[in-house]
Amino acid sequence: MKSLKLTDGWRLSLDSTGSLATVEGTPRVAQDVASYGRTFLAEPLYAVTKGVPYFRRQLGDLPQSELVIARANAAALEVPGAATAQTTLGTLDGRTLSGDIRVTTTDGEVFHVSV
């Protein structure tokens, strides 16, 4: 499976021929886990049932950490190739919550995604 390759600034990238670059394998799973975790419910026009329901009792107030962890893990596990996901919350700076998702792929590779 392939995905369009994104830059560090979350923009589409081009390959050496000027075509849209793609990514596969573990780098694709890592990129897609990060993307899925940042997608609001119904944001993708082609998949309105996908995404994290941030507007449902999550953005207005500080949600319980268990809810944030459960939603981040669930979003990560929607990515094809992700076998397990374990989210660790980091710091809350103003309105920005950071964390780390440890993902094991179906091939047994382990990586971390900072969110």
C-alpha atoms as a PDB file:
ATOM      1  CA  MET A   1       0.000   0.000   0.000  1.00  0.00           C
ATOM      2  CA  LYS A   2       1.192   3.525  -0.791  1.00  0.00           C
ATOM      3  CA  SER A   3       0.304   7.026   0.405  1.00  0.00           C
ATOM      4  CA  LEU A   4       1.182  10.419  -0.961  1.00  0.00           C
ATOM      5  CA  LYS A   5       4.409  11.555   0.683  1.00  0.00           C
ATOM      6  CA  LEU A   6       4.133  14.672   2.824  1.00  0.00           C
ATOM      7  CA  THR A   7       6.880  17.130   3.724  1.00  0.00           C
ATOM      8  CA  ASP A   8       7.707  18.052   7.327  1.00  0.00           C
ATOM      9  CA  GLY A   9       5.336  20.997   6.802  1.00  0.00           C
ATOM     10  CA  TRP A  10       2.459  18.643   5.839  1.00  0.00           C
ATOM     11  CA  ARG A  11       2.542  19.563   2.142  1.00  0.00           C
ATOM     12  CA  LEU A  12       2.556  17.213  -0.828  1.00  0.00           C
ATOM     13  CA  SER A  13       6.034  16.476  -2.139  1.00  0.00           C
ATOM     14  CA  LEU A  14       7.366  15.756  -5.601  1.00  0.00           C
ATOM     15  CA  ASP A  15       9.759  13.058  -6.735  1.00  0.00           C
ATOM     16  CA  SER A  16      12.778  13.587  -8.997  1.00  0.00           C
ATOM     17  CA  THR A  17      10.569  13.529 -12.121  1.00  0.00           C
ATOM     18  CA  GLY A  18       8.180  16.191 -10.825  1.00  0.00           C
ATOM     19  CA  SER A  19       5.385  13.713 -10.105  1.00  0.00           C
ATOM     20  CA  LEU A  20       3.660  13.392  -6.747  1.00  0.00           C
ATOM     21  CA  ALA A  21       5.946  11.407  -4.454  1.00  0.00           C
ATOM     22  CA  THR A  22       4.639   8.332  -2.657  1.00  0.00           C
ATOM     23  CA  VAL A  23       5.718   6.508   0.466  1.00  0.00           C
ATOM     24  CA  GLU A  24       5.233   2.888   1.520  1.00  0.00           C
ATOM     25  CA  GLY A  25       6.234   0.438   4.238  1.00  0.00           C
ATOM     26  CA  THR A  26       6.876   1.587   7.790  1.00  0.00           C
ATOM     27  CA  PRO A  27       7.384   5.263   6.800  1.00  0.00           C
ATOM     28  CA  ARG A  28       3.885   5.199   5.250  1.00  0.00           C
ATOM     29  CA  VAL A  29       2.360   3.722   8.395  1.00  0.00           C
ATOM     30  CA  ALA A  30       4.103   6.357  10.549  1.00  0.00           C
ATOM     31  CA  GLN A  31       2.960   9.216   8.313  1.00  0.00           C
ATOM     32  CA  ASP A  32      -0.600   7.885   8.179  1.00  0.00           C
ATOM     33  CA  VAL A  33      -0.784   7.415  11.973  1.00  0.00           C
ATOM     34  CA  ALA A  34       0.214  11.067  12.387  1.00  0.00           C
ATOM     35  CA  SER A  35      -2.346  12.127   9.764  1.00  0.00           C
ATOM     36  CA  TYR A  36      -5.192  10.073  11.217  1.00  0.00           C
ATOM     37  CA  GLY A  37      -4.570  11.558  14.666  1.00  0.00           C
ATOM     38  CA  ARG A  38      -4.879  15.085  13.289  1.00  0.00           C
ATOM     39  CA  THR A  39      -8.056  14.483  11.284  1.00  0.00           C
ATOM     40  CA  PHE A  40     -11.337  15.783  12.667  1.00  0.00           C
ATOM     41  CA  LEU A  41     -14.434  13.576  12.377  1.00  0.00           C
ATOM     42  CA  ALA A  42     -16.086  14.080   8.952  1.00  0.00           C
ATOM     43  CA  GLU A  43     -13.208  16.294   7.743  1.00  0.00           C
ATOM     44  CA  PRO A  44     -12.312  14.033   4.779  1.00  0.00           C
ATOM     45  CA  LEU A  45     -14.994  14.561   2.163  1.00  0.00           C
ATOM     46  CA  TYR A  46     -14.435  11.071   0.812  1.00  0.00           C
ATOM     47  CA  ALA A  47     -14.739   9.361   4.241  1.00  0.00           C
ATOM     48  CA  VAL A  48     -17.073  11.354   6.486  1.00  0.00           C
ATOM     49  CA  THR A  49     -17.173   8.596   9.124  1.00  0.00           C
ATOM     50  CA  LYS A  50     -13.393   8.812   9.662  1.00  0.00           C
ATOM     51  CA  GLY A  51     -11.526  11.055  12.064  1.00  0.00           C
ATOM     52  CA  VAL A  52     -11.359  11.859  15.763  1.00  0.00           C
ATOM     53  CA  PRO A  53     -14.542  13.439  17.205  1.00  0.00           C
ATOM     54  CA  TYR A  54     -12.738  16.455  18.679  1.00  0.00           C
ATOM     55  CA  PHE A  55     -15.871  18.608  18.691  1.00  0.00           C
ATOM     56  CA  ARG A  56     -17.768  16.098  20.811  1.00  0.00           C
ATOM     57  CA  ARG A  57     -16.809  17.047  24.364  1.00  0.00           C
ATOM     58  CA  GLN A  58     -13.108  17.396  23.683  1.00  0.00           C
ATOM     59  CA  LEU A  59     -12.239  20.916  22.522  1.00  0.00           C
ATOM     60  CA  GLY A  60     -14.419  23.018  24.835  1.00  0.00           C
ATOM     61  CA  ASP A  61     -13.039  21.598  28.080  1.00  0.00           C
ATOM     62  CA  LEU A  62      -9.975  19.650  29.064  1.00  0.00           C
ATOM     63  CA  PRO A  63     -11.026  16.010  28.513  1.00  0.00           C
ATOM     64  CA  GLN A  64      -9.979  13.148  30.725  1.00  0.00           C
ATOM     65  CA  SER A  65      -6.619  11.740  29.721  1.00  0.00           C
ATOM     66  CA  GLU A  66      -8.138   8.280  29.251  1.00  0.00           C
ATOM     67  CA  LEU A  67     -10.482   9.644  26.565  1.00  0.00           C
ATOM     68  CA  VAL A  68      -7.650  11.347  24.672  1.00  0.00           C
ATOM     69  CA  ILE A  69      -5.517   8.193  24.846  1.00  0.00           C
ATOM     70  CA  ALA A  70      -8.372   5.943  23.723  1.00  0.00           C
ATOM     71  CA  ARG A  71      -9.204   8.174  20.747  1.00  0.00           C
ATOM     72  CA  ALA A  72      -5.545   8.487  19.699  1.00  0.00           C
ATOM     73  CA  ASN A  73      -5.060   4.712  19.910  1.00  0.00           C
ATOM     74  CA  ALA A  74      -8.270   4.065  17.957  1.00  0.00           C
ATOM     75  CA  ALA A  75      -7.255   6.503  15.214  1.00  0.00           C
ATOM     76  CA  ALA A  76      -3.796   4.914  14.945  1.00  0.00           C
ATOM     77  CA  LEU A  77      -5.266   1.420  14.684  1.00  0.00           C
ATOM     78  CA  GLU A  78      -7.408   2.476  11.708  1.00  0.00           C
ATOM     79  CA  VAL A  79      -4.221   2.777   9.652  1.00  0.00           C
ATOM     80  CA  PRO A  80      -3.662  -0.295   7.484  1.00  0.00           C
ATOM     81  CA  GLY A  81      -0.479  -1.972   8.696  1.00  0.00           C
ATOM     82  CA  ALA A  82      -0.730  -0.784  12.313  1.00  0.00           C
ATOM     83  CA  ALA A  83      -1.081  -3.749  14.690  1.00  0.00           C
ATOM     84  CA  THR A  84      -0.842  -2.050  18.095  1.00  0.00           C
ATOM     85  CA  ALA A  85      -0.801   1.528  19.352  1.00  0.00           C
ATOM     86  CA  GLN A  86       0.107   2.865  22.778  1.00  0.00           C
ATOM     87  CA  THR A  87      -0.284   6.594  23.405  1.00  0.00           C
ATOM     88  CA  THR A  88       1.601   8.475  26.093  1.00  0.00           C
ATOM     89  CA  LEU A  89       0.531  12.025  26.814  1.00  0.00           C
ATOM     90  CA  GLY A  90       3.183  14.680  27.241  1.00  0.00           C
ATOM     91  CA  THR A  91       2.707  18.250  28.314  1.00  0.00           C
ATOM     92  CA  LEU A  92      -0.200  20.656  28.094  1.00  0.00           C
ATOM     93  CA  ASP A  93       1.074  24.070  27.017  1.00  0.00           C
ATOM     94  CA  GLY A  94      -1.813  26.522  26.866  1.00  0.00           C
ATOM     95  CA  ARG A  95      -4.271  24.774  24.564  1.00  0.00           C
ATOM     96  CA  THR A  96      -1.705  22.464  22.953  1.00  0.00           C
ATOM     97  CA  LEU A  97      -1.371  18.901  24.208  1.00  0.00           C
ATOM     98  CA  SER A  98       1.637  16.905  23.031  1.00  0.00           C
ATOM     99  CA  GLY A  99       2.311  13.217  23.223  1.00  0.00           C
ATOM    100  CA  ASP A 100       3.787  10.140  21.629  1.00  0.00           C
ATOM    101  CA  ILE A 101       2.172   7.150  19.942  1.00  0.00           C
ATOM    102  CA  ARG A 102       4.211   3.923  19.971  1.00  0.00           C
ATOM    103  CA  VAL A 103       3.096   1.805  17.039  1.00  0.00           C
ATOM    104  CA  THR A 104       3.942  -1.772  16.134  1.00  0.00           C
ATOM    105  CA  THR A 105       3.305  -2.667  12.498  1.00  0.00           C
ATOM    106  CA  THR A 106       1.914  -5.969  11.265  1.00  0.00           C
ATOM    107  CA  ASP A 107       5.512  -6.702  10.170  1.00  0.00           C
ATOM    108  CA  GLY A 108       6.701  -6.328  13.779  1.00  0.00           C
ATOM    109  CA  GLU A 109       8.527  -3.012  13.325  1.00  0.00           C
ATOM    110  CA  VAL A 110       8.176  -0.496  16.158  1.00  0.00           C
ATOM    111  CA  PHE A 111       8.280   3.299  15.801  1.00  0.00           C
ATOM    112  CA  HIS A 112       7.162   6.416  17.645  1.00  0.00           C
ATOM    113  CA  VAL A 113       5.034   9.244  16.275  1.00  0.00           C
ATOM    114  CA  SER A 114       5.126  12.584  18.085  1.00  0.00           C
ATOM    115  CA  VAL A 115       1.768  14.326  18.180  1.00  0.00           C
END
